[in-house]
C-alpha atoms as a PDB file:
ATOM      1  CA  MET A   1      70.099  73.021  71.825  1.00  0.00           C
ATOM      2  CA  SER A   2      72.978  74.179  73.978  1.00  0.00           C
ATOM      3  CA  GLN A   3      72.167  75.918  77.106  1.00  0.00           C
ATOM      4  CA  ILE A   4      73.659  79.227  78.171  1.00  0.00           C
ATOM      5  CA  ILE A   5      76.013  79.348  81.007  1.00  0.00           C
ATOM      6  CA  PRO A   6      74.958  81.821  83.674  1.00  0.00           C
ATOM      7  CA  SER A   7      77.689  84.279  84.221  1.00  0.00           C
ATOM      8  CA  PRO A   8      79.120  84.245  87.907  1.00  0.00           C
ATOM      9  CA  ARG A   9      77.886  86.907  90.152  1.00  0.00           C
ATOM     10  CA  ARG A  10      80.219  89.586  90.999  1.00  0.00           C
ATOM     11  CA  ARG A  11      78.652  91.355  93.945  1.00  0.00           C
ATOM     12  CA  ALA A  12      80.767  90.087  96.752  1.00  0.00           C
ATOM     13  CA  PHE A  13      84.011  91.289  94.524  1.00  0.00           C
ATOM     14  CA  GLY A  14      82.649  94.689  93.711  1.00  0.00           C
ATOM     15  CA  CYS A  15      81.685  95.357  97.152  1.00  0.00           C
ATOM     16  CA  GLY A  16      85.147  94.121  98.435  1.00  0.00           C
ATOM     17  CA  VAL A  17      87.264  96.139  95.969  1.00  0.00           C
ATOM     18  CA  ALA A  18      85.036  99.375  97.089  1.00  0.00           C
ATOM     19  CA  ALA A  19      85.483  98.661 100.710  1.00  0.00           C
ATOM     20  CA  THR A  20      89.225  98.235 100.087  1.00  0.00           C
ATOM     21  CA  VAL A  21      89.833 101.633  97.997  1.00  0.00           C
ATOM     22  CA  VAL A  22      87.541 103.490 100.422  1.00  0.00           C
ATOM     23  CA  ALA A  23      89.434 102.147 103.507  1.00  0.00           C
ATOM     24  CA  LEU A  24      92.770 103.121 101.818  1.00  0.00           C
ATOM     25  CA  VAL A  25      91.531 106.477 101.045  1.00  0.00           C
ATOM     26  CA  GLY A  26      90.861 106.925 104.959  1.00  0.00           C
ATOM     27  CA  ILE A  27      94.201 105.403 105.973  1.00  0.00           C
ATOM     28  CA  LEU A  28      96.703 106.948 103.587  1.00  0.00           C
ATOM     29  CA  PRO A  29      96.182 110.749 104.473  1.00  0.00           C
ATOM     30  CA  THR A  30      96.637 109.793 108.414  1.00  0.00           C
ATOM     31  CA  ALA A  31      99.715 107.525 107.589  1.00  0.00           C
ATOM     32  CA  ILE A  32     101.365 110.517 105.576  1.00  0.00           C
ATOM     33  CA  VAL A  33     100.740 112.840 108.490  1.00  0.00           C
ATOM     34  CA  PHE A  34     102.345 110.745 110.933  1.00  0.00           C
ATOM     35  CA  VAL A  35     105.468 110.355 108.666  1.00  0.00           C
ATOM     36  CA  LEU A  36     105.675 114.014 108.181  1.00  0.00           C
ATOM     37  CA  ALA A  37     105.219 114.792 111.539  1.00  0.00           C
ATOM     38  CA  GLY A  38     107.919 112.174 112.677  1.00  0.00           C
ATOM     39  CA  THR A  39     110.510 113.212 110.276  1.00  0.00           C
ATOM     40  CA  ALA A  40     109.958 116.603 108.716  1.00  0.00           C
ATOM     41  CA  ASP A  41     108.510 118.804 111.029  1.00  0.00           C
ATOM     42  CA  PRO A  42     106.592 118.207 114.403  1.00  0.00           C
ATOM     43  CA  ASN A  43     104.489 121.194 113.352  1.00  0.00           C
ATOM     44  CA  TYR A  44     102.684 119.016 110.849  1.00  0.00           C
ATOM     45  CA  GLY A  45     101.026 117.167 113.607  1.00  0.00           C
ATOM     46  CA  TRP A  46      97.906 119.570 113.600  1.00  0.00           C
ATOM     47  CA  LEU A  47      97.032 118.024 110.431  1.00  0.00           C
ATOM     48  CA  LEU A  48      95.895 115.040 112.480  1.00  0.00           C
ATOM     49  CA  PHE A  49      92.629 117.022 113.559  1.00  0.00           C
ATOM     50  CA  LEU A  50      91.632 116.908 109.858  1.00  0.00           C
ATOM     51  CA  THR A  51      92.934 113.435 108.965  1.00  0.00           C
ATOM     52  CA  LEU A  52      91.442 111.564 111.995  1.00  0.00           C
ATOM     53  CA  PRO A  53      87.878 112.326 111.708  1.00  0.00           C
ATOM     54  CA  LEU A  54      88.014 111.609 107.872  1.00  0.00           C
ATOM     55  CA  ALA A  55      89.838 108.506 108.706  1.00  0.00           C
ATOM     56  CA  VAL A  56      86.853 107.364 111.386  1.00  0.00           C
ATOM     57  CA  LEU A  57      84.083 108.411 108.774  1.00  0.00           C
ATOM     58  CA  VAL A  58      85.642 106.586 105.627  1.00  0.00           C
ATOM     59  CA  GLY A  59      86.633 103.538 107.724  1.00  0.00           C
ATOM     60  CA  GLY A  60      82.994 103.303 108.972  1.00  0.00           C
ATOM     61  CA  ILE A  61      81.896 103.422 105.312  1.00  0.00           C
ATOM     62  CA  ALA A  62      84.579 100.593 104.411  1.00  0.00           C
ATOM     63  CA  LEU A  63      83.502  98.386 107.275  1.00  0.00           C
ATOM     64  CA  ILE A  64      79.917  98.464 106.279  1.00  0.00           C
ATOM     65  CA  LEU A  65      80.542  97.903 102.694  1.00  0.00           C
ATOM     66  CA  GLY A  66      82.942  95.060 103.743  1.00  0.00           C
ATOM     67  CA  ILE A  67      80.296  93.291 105.633  1.00  0.00           C
ATOM     68  CA  ILE A  68      77.868  93.674 102.812  1.00  0.00           C
ATOM     69  CA  GLY A  69      80.349  92.001 100.613  1.00  0.00           C
ATOM     70  CA  LEU A  70      80.602  89.218 103.077  1.00  0.00           C
ATOM     71  CA  VAL A  71      76.971  88.611 103.054  1.00  0.00           C
ATOM     72  CA  PHE A  72      76.808  88.798  99.110  1.00  0.00           C
ATOM     73  CA  ALA A  73      79.983  86.292  99.157  1.00  0.00           C
ATOM     74  CA  ARG A  74      78.032  83.965 101.449  1.00  0.00           C
ATOM     75  CA  ALA A  75      75.041  84.118  99.332  1.00  0.00           C
ATOM     76  CA  ASP A  76      76.771  83.540  95.909  1.00  0.00           C
ATOM     77  CA  ARG A  77      79.273  81.068  97.209  1.00  0.00           C
ATOM     78  CA  GLY A  78      82.232  83.093  95.917  1.00  0.00           C
ATOM     79  CA  GLY A  79      85.340  84.300  96.848  1.00  0.00           C
ATOM     80  CA  TYR A  80      85.961  86.150 100.286  1.00  0.00           C
ATOM     81  CA  ALA A  81      89.340  87.787  99.935  1.00  0.00           C
ATOM     82  CA  TRP A  82      88.360  91.215  98.770  1.00  0.00           C
ATOM     83  CA  PRO A  83      85.422  91.611 101.248  1.00  0.00           C
ATOM     84  CA  VAL A  84      87.681  90.336 104.215  1.00  0.00           C
ATOM     85  CA  ALA A  85      90.418  92.951 103.141  1.00  0.00           C
ATOM     86  CA  GLY A  86      87.961  95.725 102.936  1.00  0.00           C
ATOM     87  CA  THR A  87      86.336  94.701 106.467  1.00  0.00           C
ATOM     88  CA  VAL A  88      89.718  94.449 107.939  1.00  0.00           C
ATOM     89  CA  LEU A  89      91.187  97.844 106.473  1.00  0.00           C
ATOM     90  CA  GLY A  90      87.973  99.557 107.811  1.00  0.00           C
ATOM     91  CA  ALA A  91      88.556  98.144 111.312  1.00  0.00           C
ATOM     92  CA  VAL A  92      92.199  99.215 111.161  1.00  0.00           C
ATOM     93  CA  SER A  93      91.357 102.776 110.187  1.00  0.00           C
ATOM     94  CA  ALA A  94      89.858 103.022 113.530  1.00  0.00           C
ATOM     95  CA  LEU A  95      93.276 102.146 115.374  1.00  0.00           C
ATOM     96  CA  PRO A  96      94.991 105.702 115.136  1.00  0.00           C
ATOM     97  CA  THR A  97      91.775 107.178 116.411  1.00  0.00           C
ATOM     98  CA  ALA A  98      91.734 104.913 119.443  1.00  0.00           C
ATOM     99  CA  ALA A  99      95.390 105.429 120.112  1.00  0.00           C
ATOM    100  CA  PHE A 100      95.203 109.204 119.748  1.00  0.00           C
ATOM    101  CA  LEU A 101      92.331 109.491 122.057  1.00  0.00           C
ATOM    102  CA  MET A 102      93.818 107.135 124.621  1.00  0.00           C
ATOM    103  CA  GLY A 103      97.113 109.168 124.627  1.00  0.00           C
ATOM    104  CA  GLY A 104      99.183 106.505 123.125  1.00  0.00           C
END
């Protein structure tokens, strides 16, 4: 009688990919506004008042998802690449807000 090989757990991979996608949803609008304000017209800068709170909210969610993915990766002895990427991008999404609030 042959034994059935258990399928590998993919919880860490799923949380990591979700964290990365969610973080990119928060970072991309802010980056687009910075590019538009710097090249096309400086009057696009007011859109930062809409995109920065979105980046902070979504970045926090991505950071939490990334940390959950790291915990799952540790428990499953799996890959850490996607959870680390999601955690780093979630933390990076707070950098434009910190620069904006500090006047830099």
